[in-house]
PDB file of N, CA and C in Angstrom:
ATOM      1  N   MET A   1      40.528  -3.553 -20.001  1.00  0.00           N
ATOM      2  CA  MET A   1      41.745  -2.793 -20.150  1.00  0.00           C
ATOM      3  C   MET A   1      42.829  -3.738 -20.676  1.00  0.00           C
ATOM      4  N   PRO A   2      43.098  -3.700 -21.987  1.00  0.00           N
ATOM      5  CA  PRO A   2      44.113  -4.578 -22.579  1.00  0.00           C
ATOM      6  C   PRO A   2      45.535  -4.226 -22.134  1.00  0.00           C
ATOM      7  N   VAL A   3      46.254  -5.237 -21.694  1.00  0.00           N
ATOM      8  CA  VAL A   3      47.661  -5.082 -21.313  1.00  0.00           C
ATOM      9  C   VAL A   3      48.460  -6.100 -22.121  1.00  0.00           C
ATOM     10  N   PHE A   4      49.506  -5.613 -22.786  1.00  0.00           N
ATOM     11  CA  PHE A   4      50.350  -6.489 -23.590  1.00  0.00           C
ATOM     12  C   PHE A   4      51.805  -6.168 -23.324  1.00  0.00           C
ATOM     13  N   SER A   5      52.662  -7.160 -23.447  1.00  0.00           N
ATOM     14  CA  SER A   5      54.105  -6.911 -23.400  1.00  0.00           C
ATOM     15  C   SER A   5      54.740  -7.543 -24.634  1.00  0.00           C
ATOM     16  N   TYR A   6      55.764  -6.868 -25.131  1.00  0.00           N
ATOM     17  CA  TYR A   6      56.402  -7.259 -26.384  1.00  0.00           C
ATOM     18  C   TYR A   6      57.917  -7.145 -26.276  1.00  0.00           C
ATOM     19  N   LEU A   7      58.608  -7.861 -27.130  1.00  0.00           N
ATOM     20  CA  LEU A   7      59.992  -7.564 -27.459  1.00  0.00           C
ATOM     21  C   LEU A   7      59.922  -6.786 -28.761  1.00  0.00           C
ATOM     22  N   ALA A   8      60.479  -5.589 -28.759  1.00  0.00           N
ATOM     23  CA  ALA A   8      60.443  -4.719 -29.932  1.00  0.00           C
ATOM     24  C   ALA A   8      61.822  -4.719 -30.586  1.00  0.00           C
ATOM     25  N   TYR A   9      61.864  -5.139 -31.830  1.00  0.00           N
ATOM     26  CA  TYR A   9      63.116  -5.229 -32.576  1.00  0.00           C
ATOM     27  C   TYR A   9      63.236  -4.023 -33.505  1.00  0.00           C
ATOM     28  N   PRO A  10      64.289  -3.226 -33.333  1.00  0.00           N
ATOM     29  CA  PRO A  10      64.456  -2.052 -34.200  1.00  0.00           C
ATOM     30  C   PRO A  10      65.050  -2.444 -35.554  1.00  0.00           C
ATOM     31  N   VAL A  11      64.858  -1.577 -36.535  1.00  0.00           N
ATOM     32  CA  VAL A  11      65.604  -1.761 -37.775  1.00  0.00           C
ATOM     33  C   VAL A  11      67.071  -1.536 -37.429  1.00  0.00           C
ATOM     34  N   LYS A  12      67.956  -2.066 -38.222  1.00  0.00           N
ATOM     35  CA  LYS A  12      69.390  -2.018 -37.917  1.00  0.00           C
ATOM     36  C   LYS A  12      69.854  -0.585 -37.665  1.00  0.00           C
ATOM     37  N   GLY A  13      70.502  -0.390 -36.511  1.00  0.00           N
ATOM     38  CA  GLY A  13      71.057   0.902 -36.144  1.00  0.00           C
ATOM     39  C   GLY A  13      70.064   1.920 -35.612  1.00  0.00           C
ATOM     40  N   ALA A  14      68.806   1.508 -35.365  1.00  0.00           N
ATOM     41  CA  ALA A  14      67.772   2.461 -34.960  1.00  0.00           C
ATOM     42  C   ALA A  14      67.225   2.207 -33.552  1.00  0.00           C
ATOM     43  N   LYS A  15      68.012   1.568 -32.690  1.00  0.00           N
ATOM     44  CA  LYS A  15      67.514   1.252 -31.346  1.00  0.00           C
ATOM     45  C   LYS A  15      67.150   2.517 -30.580  1.00  0.00           C
ATOM     46  N   LYS A  16      68.013   3.520 -30.590  1.00  0.00           N
ATOM     47  CA  LYS A  16      67.742   4.761 -29.859  1.00  0.00           C
ATOM     48  C   LYS A  16      66.529   5.486 -30.446  1.00  0.00           C
ATOM     49  N   LYS A  17      66.405   5.503 -31.770  1.00  0.00           N
ATOM     50  CA  LYS A  17      65.260   6.132 -32.443  1.00  0.00           C
ATOM     51  C   LYS A  17      63.975   5.413 -32.057  1.00  0.00           C
ATOM     52  N   LEU A  18      64.009   4.092 -32.063  1.00  0.00           N
ATOM     53  CA  LEU A  18      62.823   3.328 -31.682  1.00  0.00           C
ATOM     54  C   LEU A  18      62.452   3.586 -30.227  1.00  0.00           C
ATOM     55  N   LEU A  19      63.439   3.655 -29.358  1.00  0.00           N
ATOM     56  CA  LEU A  19      63.180   3.963 -27.951  1.00  0.00           C
ATOM     57  C   LEU A  19      62.451   5.300 -27.830  1.00  0.00           C
ATOM     58  N   ASN A  20      62.915   6.297 -28.562  1.00  0.00           N
ATOM     59  CA  ASN A  20      62.271   7.617 -28.535  1.00  0.00           C
ATOM     60  C   ASN A  20      60.874   7.573 -29.138  1.00  0.00           C
ATOM     61  N   ASP A  21      60.714   6.869 -30.261  1.00  0.00           N
ATOM     62  CA  ASP A  21      59.407   6.770 -30.916  1.00  0.00           C
ATOM     63  C   ASP A  21      58.378   6.100 -30.008  1.00  0.00           C
ATOM     64  N   LEU A  22      58.763   4.995 -29.387  1.00  0.00           N
ATOM     65  CA  LEU A  22      57.830   4.281 -28.512  1.00  0.00           C
ATOM     66  C   LEU A  22      57.525   5.073 -27.243  1.00  0.00           C
ATOM     67  N   SER A  23      58.514   5.752 -26.704  1.00  0.00           N
ATOM     68  CA  SER A  23      58.324   6.554 -25.492  1.00  0.00           C
ATOM     69  C   SER A  23      57.352   7.703 -25.720  1.00  0.00           C
ATOM     70  N   ALA A  24      57.264   8.169 -26.962  1.00  0.00           N
ATOM     71  CA  ALA A  24      56.386   9.294 -27.285  1.00  0.00           C
ATOM     72  C   ALA A  24      54.917   8.881 -27.403  1.00  0.00           C
ATOM     73  N   LEU A  25      54.643   7.596 -27.482  1.00  0.00           N
ATOM     74  CA  LEU A  25      53.266   7.126 -27.634  1.00  0.00           C
ATOM     75  C   LEU A  25      52.562   7.013 -26.290  1.00  0.00           C
ATOM     76  N   ASP A  26      51.275   7.373 -26.270  1.00  0.00           N
ATOM     77  CA  ASP A  26      50.462   7.194 -25.065  1.00  0.00           C
ATOM     78  C   ASP A  26      50.259   5.705 -24.801  1.00  0.00           C
ATOM     79  N   HIS A  27      50.106   5.365 -23.535  1.00  0.00           N
ATOM     80  CA  HIS A  27      49.795   4.004 -23.089  1.00  0.00           C
ATOM     81  C   HIS A  27      50.959   3.031 -23.274  1.00  0.00           C
ATOM     82  N   CYS A  28      52.187   3.563 -23.406  1.00  0.00           N
ATOM     83  CA  CYS A  28      53.360   2.713 -23.623  1.00  0.00           C
ATOM     84  C   CYS A  28      54.432   2.987 -22.578  1.00  0.00           C
ATOM     85  N   GLU A  29      55.037   1.926 -22.091  1.00  0.00           N
ATOM     86  CA  GLU A  29      56.250   2.016 -21.286  1.00  0.00           C
ATOM     87  C   GLU A  29      57.287   1.173 -21.996  1.00  0.00           C
ATOM     88  N   VAL A  30      58.487   1.724 -22.142  1.00  0.00           N
ATOM     89  CA  VAL A  30      59.519   1.026 -22.901  1.00  0.00           C
ATOM     90  C   VAL A  30      60.845   1.124 -22.173  1.00  0.00           C
ATOM     91  N   MET A  31      61.616   0.044 -22.263  1.00  0.00           N
ATOM     92  CA  MET A  31      62.954   0.049 -21.661  1.00  0.00           C
ATOM     93  C   MET A  31      63.883  -0.789 -22.535  1.00  0.00           C
ATOM     94  N   PRO A  32      65.136  -0.384 -22.622  1.00  0.00           N
ATOM     95  CA  PRO A  32      66.084  -1.157 -23.428  1.00  0.00           C
ATOM     96  C   PRO A  32      66.571  -2.392 -22.676  1.00  0.00           C
ATOM     97  N   ALA A  33      66.813  -3.456 -23.409  1.00  0.00           N
ATOM     98  CA  ALA A  33      67.476  -4.621 -22.836  1.00  0.00           C
ATOM     99  C   ALA A  33      68.935  -4.247 -22.601  1.00  0.00           C
ATOM    100  N   LYS A  34      69.545  -4.796 -21.574  1.00  0.00           N
ATOM    101  CA  LYS A  34      70.914  -4.403 -21.218  1.00  0.00           C
ATOM    102  C   LYS A  34      71.968  -4.950 -22.164  1.00  0.00           C
ATOM    103  N   ASN A  35      71.741  -6.093 -22.756  1.00  0.00           N
ATOM    104  CA  ASN A  35      72.809  -6.702 -23.544  1.00  0.00           C
ATOM    105  C   ASN A  35      72.392  -7.100 -24.955  1.00  0.00           C
ATOM    106  N   LYS A  36      71.275  -6.630 -25.419  1.00  0.00           N
ATOM    107  CA  LYS A  36      70.777  -7.007 -26.755  1.00  0.00           C
ATOM    108  C   LYS A  36      70.235  -5.778 -27.469  1.00  0.00           C
ATOM    109  N   GLU A  37      70.149  -5.864 -28.783  1.00  0.00           N
ATOM    110  CA  GLU A  37      69.553  -4.801 -29.586  1.00  0.00           C
ATOM    111  C   GLU A  37      68.042  -5.009 -29.663  1.00  0.00           C
ATOM    112  N   VAL A  38      67.407  -4.940 -28.505  1.00  0.00           N
ATOM    113  CA  VAL A  38      65.964  -5.152 -28.415  1.00  0.00           C
ATOM    114  C   VAL A  38      65.429  -4.268 -27.299  1.00  0.00           C
ATOM    115  N   LEU A  39      64.163  -3.913 -27.396  1.00  0.00           N
ATOM    116  CA  LEU A  39      63.500  -3.120 -26.368  1.00  0.00           C
ATOM    117  C   LEU A  39      62.347  -3.927 -25.783  1.00  0.00           C
ATOM    118  N   ILE A  40      62.022  -3.644 -24.553  1.00  0.00           N
ATOM    119  CA  ILE A  40      60.879  -4.262 -23.895  1.00  0.00           C
ATOM    120  C   ILE A  40      59.769  -3.220 -23.875  1.00  0.00           C
ATOM    121  N   LEU A  41      58.627  -3.561 -24.437  1.00  0.00           N
ATOM    122  CA  LEU A  41      57.496  -2.645 -24.539  1.00  0.00           C
ATOM    123  C   LEU A  41      56.311  -3.228 -23.790  1.00  0.00           C
ATOM    124  N   VAL A  42      55.708  -2.419 -22.909  1.00  0.00           N
ATOM    125  CA  VAL A  42      54.482  -2.796 -22.213  1.00  0.00           C
ATOM    126  C   VAL A  42      53.434  -1.749 -22.559  1.00  0.00           C
ATOM    127  N   THR A  43      52.278  -2.221 -23.027  1.00  0.00           N
ATOM    128  CA  THR A  43      51.184  -1.307 -23.347  1.00  0.00           C
ATOM    129  C   THR A  43      50.015  -1.580 -22.418  1.00  0.00           C
ATOM    130  N   ASP A  44      49.310  -0.525 -22.057  1.00  0.00           N
ATOM    131  CA  ASP A  44      48.157  -0.618 -21.163  1.00  0.00           C
ATOM    132  C   ASP A  44      47.144   0.422 -21.629  1.00  0.00           C
ATOM    133  N   THR A  45      46.194  -0.006 -22.432  1.00  0.00           N
ATOM    134  CA  THR A  45      45.198   0.907 -22.976  1.00  0.00           C
ATOM    135  C   THR A  45      43.878   0.780 -22.204  1.00  0.00           C
ATOM    136  N   PRO A  46      43.096   1.860 -22.165  1.00  0.00           N
ATOM    137  CA  PRO A  46      41.862   1.823 -21.373  1.00  0.00           C
ATOM    138  C   PRO A  46      40.728   1.008 -21.995  1.00  0.00           C
ATOM    139  N   ASN A  47      40.780   0.785 -23.326  1.00  0.00           N
ATOM    140  CA  ASN A  47      39.695   0.047 -23.974  1.00  0.00           C
ATOM    141  C   ASN A  47      40.156  -0.471 -25.335  1.00  0.00           C
ATOM    142  N   GLU A  48      39.313  -1.260 -25.969  1.00  0.00           N
ATOM    143  CA  GLU A  48      39.655  -1.882 -27.248  1.00  0.00           C
ATOM    144  C   GLU A  48      39.881  -0.846 -28.358  1.00  0.00           C
ATOM    145  N   LYS A  49      39.110   0.234 -28.338  1.00  0.00           N
ATOM    146  CA  LYS A  49      39.260   1.273 -29.370  1.00  0.00           C
ATOM    147  C   LYS A  49      40.643   1.902 -29.289  1.00  0.00           C
ATOM    148  N   LYS A  50      41.084   2.243 -28.077  1.00  0.00           N
ATOM    149  CA  LYS A  50      42.412   2.832 -27.893  1.00  0.00           C
ATOM    150  C   LYS A  50      43.505   1.822 -28.252  1.00  0.00           C
ATOM    151  N   GLU A  51      43.267   0.555 -27.970  1.00  0.00           N
ATOM    152  CA  GLU A  51      44.240  -0.480 -28.324  1.00  0.00           C
ATOM    153  C   GLU A  51      44.397  -0.565 -29.838  1.00  0.00           C
ATOM    154  N   GLU A  52      43.287  -0.521 -30.550  1.00  0.00           N
ATOM    155  CA  GLU A  52      43.338  -0.559 -32.013  1.00  0.00           C
ATOM    156  C   GLU A  52      44.081   0.668 -32.562  1.00  0.00           C
ATOM    157  N   GLU A  53      43.822   1.839 -31.993  1.00  0.00           N
ATOM    158  CA  GLU A  53      44.522   3.057 -32.415  1.00  0.00           C
ATOM    159  C   GLU A  53      46.030   2.930 -32.168  1.00  0.00           C
ATOM    160  N   LEU A  54      46.389   2.392 -31.021  1.00  0.00           N
ATOM    161  CA  LEU A  54      47.806   2.214 -30.698  1.00  0.00           C
ATOM    162  C   LEU A  54      48.459   1.233 -31.661  1.00  0.00           C
ATOM    163  N   GLN A  55      47.792   0.135 -31.960  1.00  0.00           N
ATOM    164  CA  GLN A  55      48.347  -0.852 -32.892  1.00  0.00           C
ATOM    165  C   GLN A  55      48.598  -0.224 -34.267  1.00  0.00           C
ATOM    166  N   ASN A  56      47.688   0.632 -34.699  1.00  0.00           N
ATOM    167  CA  ASN A  56      47.870   1.315 -35.983  1.00  0.00           C
ATOM    168  C   ASN A  56      49.079   2.247 -35.950  1.00  0.00           C
ATOM    169  N   LYS A  57      49.286   2.943 -34.833  1.00  0.00           N
ATOM    170  CA  LYS A  57      50.451   3.819 -34.697  1.00  0.00           C
ATOM    171  C   LYS A  57      51.750   3.008 -34.690  1.00  0.00           C
ATOM    172  N   LEU A  58      51.725   1.866 -34.031  1.00  0.00           N
ATOM    173  CA  LEU A  58      52.915   1.011 -34.002  1.00  0.00           C
ATOM    174  C   LEU A  58      53.282   0.533 -35.405  1.00  0.00           C
ATOM    175  N   LYS A  59      52.285   0.196 -36.200  1.00  0.00           N
ATOM    176  CA  LYS A  59      52.527  -0.275 -37.567  1.00  0.00           C
ATOM    177  C   LYS A  59      53.178   0.789 -38.440  1.00  0.00           C
ATOM    178  N   GLU A  60      52.974   2.057 -38.098  1.00  0.00           N
ATOM    179  CA  GLU A  60      53.502   3.161 -38.901  1.00  0.00           C
ATOM    180  C   GLU A  60      54.947   3.534 -38.554  1.00  0.00           C
ATOM    181  N   LEU A  61      55.487   3.011 -37.460  1.00  0.00           N
ATOM    182  CA  LEU A  61      56.838   3.392 -37.038  1.00  0.00           C
ATOM    183  C   LEU A  61      57.890   2.826 -37.988  1.00  0.00           C
ATOM    184  N   LYS A  62      58.657   3.712 -38.586  1.00  0.00           N
ATOM    185  CA  LYS A  62      59.709   3.298 -39.527  1.00  0.00           C
ATOM    186  C   LYS A  62      60.905   2.677 -38.796  1.00  0.00           C
ATOM    187  N   SER A  63      61.082   2.992 -37.517  1.00  0.00           N
ATOM    188  CA  SER A  63      62.216   2.473 -36.742  1.00  0.00           C
ATOM    189  C   SER A  63      61.958   1.068 -36.195  1.00  0.00           C
ATOM    190  N   LEU A  64      60.724   0.583 -36.306  1.00  0.00           N
ATOM    191  CA  LEU A  64      60.339  -0.727 -35.779  1.00  0.00           C
ATOM    192  C   LEU A  64      60.408  -1.793 -36.863  1.00  0.00           C
ATOM    193  N   GLN A  65      61.224  -2.812 -36.626  1.00  0.00           N
ATOM    194  CA  GLN A  65      61.299  -3.931 -37.566  1.00  0.00           C
ATOM    195  C   GLN A  65      60.180  -4.931 -37.289  1.00  0.00           C
ATOM    196  N   SER A  66      60.039  -5.333 -36.000  1.00  0.00           N
ATOM    197  CA  SER A  66      58.985  -6.283 -35.648  1.00  0.00           C
ATOM    198  C   SER A  66      58.726  -6.262 -34.148  1.00  0.00           C
ATOM    199  N   LEU A  67      57.557  -6.784 -33.781  1.00  0.00           N
ATOM    200  CA  LEU A  67      57.157  -6.945 -32.381  1.00  0.00           C
ATOM    201  C   LEU A  67      56.889  -8.418 -32.127  1.00  0.00           C
ATOM    202  N   GLY A  68      57.382  -8.917 -31.001  1.00  0.00           N
ATOM    203  CA  GLY A  68      57.076 -10.277 -30.576  1.00  0.00           C
ATOM    204  C   GLY A  68      56.324 -10.216 -29.262  1.00  0.00           C
ATOM    205  N   MET A  69      55.047 -10.605 -29.273  1.00  0.00           N
ATOM    206  CA  MET A  69      54.258 -10.540 -28.041  1.00  0.00           C
ATOM    207  C   MET A  69      54.748 -11.597 -27.052  1.00  0.00           C
ATOM    208  N   THR A  70      54.926 -11.179 -25.800  1.00  0.00           N
ATOM    209  CA  THR A  70      55.321 -12.108 -24.760  1.00  0.00           C
ATOM    210  C   THR A  70      54.190 -12.374 -23.773  1.00  0.00           C
ATOM    211  N   PHE A  71      53.212 -11.458 -23.708  1.00  0.00           N
ATOM    212  CA  PHE A  71      52.081 -11.624 -22.799  1.00  0.00           C
ATOM    213  C   PHE A  71      50.940 -10.743 -23.289  1.00  0.00           C
ATOM    214  N   GLY A  72      49.715 -11.225 -23.170  1.00  0.00           N
ATOM    215  CA  GLY A  72      48.560 -10.426 -23.512  1.00  0.00           C
ATOM    216  C   GLY A  72      47.399 -10.740 -22.588  1.00  0.00           C
ATOM    217  N   HIS A  73      46.665  -9.693 -22.184  1.00  0.00           N
ATOM    218  CA  HIS A  73      45.494  -9.867 -21.336  1.00  0.00           C
ATOM    219  C   HIS A  73      44.498  -8.760 -21.663  1.00  0.00           C
ATOM    220  N   GLY A  74      43.267  -9.132 -21.874  1.00  0.00           N
ATOM    221  CA  GLY A  74      42.215  -8.152 -22.115  1.00  0.00           C
ATOM    222  C   GLY A  74      41.018  -8.470 -21.248  1.00  0.00           C
ATOM    223  N   ASP A  75      40.377  -7.425 -20.715  1.00  0.00           N
ATOM    224  CA  ASP A  75      39.137  -7.623 -19.955  1.00  0.00           C
ATOM    225  C   ASP A  75      38.044  -8.093 -20.896  1.00  0.00           C
ATOM    226  N   VAL A  76      37.285  -9.020 -20.439  1.00  0.00           N
ATOM    227  CA  VAL A  76      36.189  -9.538 -21.257  1.00  0.00           C
ATOM    228  C   VAL A  76      34.884  -9.070 -20.712  1.00  0.00           C
TER     229      VAL A  76
END
C-alpha cells in the first residue's frame, strides 16, 4: 500500500482550484498551509496499479504547477 506525502504548488492564483481538484481525487487527503501558497497532499493507494493511475491524474491537473515529495513508502 503506497503512501506518499507532497508539497503541492499551484499555478499562480489557483490555490483554491487546486485544493478542490485534489480533494476530488480518490486516495488523496489535502490541506492548505496556513501561511504559504502551498498545499499538503497525502496519498494512500491500495496497490501499485492504483498509484500509477493516481499519478497520471495528477499530471493532468491544470491547476498544479509542481509536486515536491516529502515522504514515500511502498509495501514490498
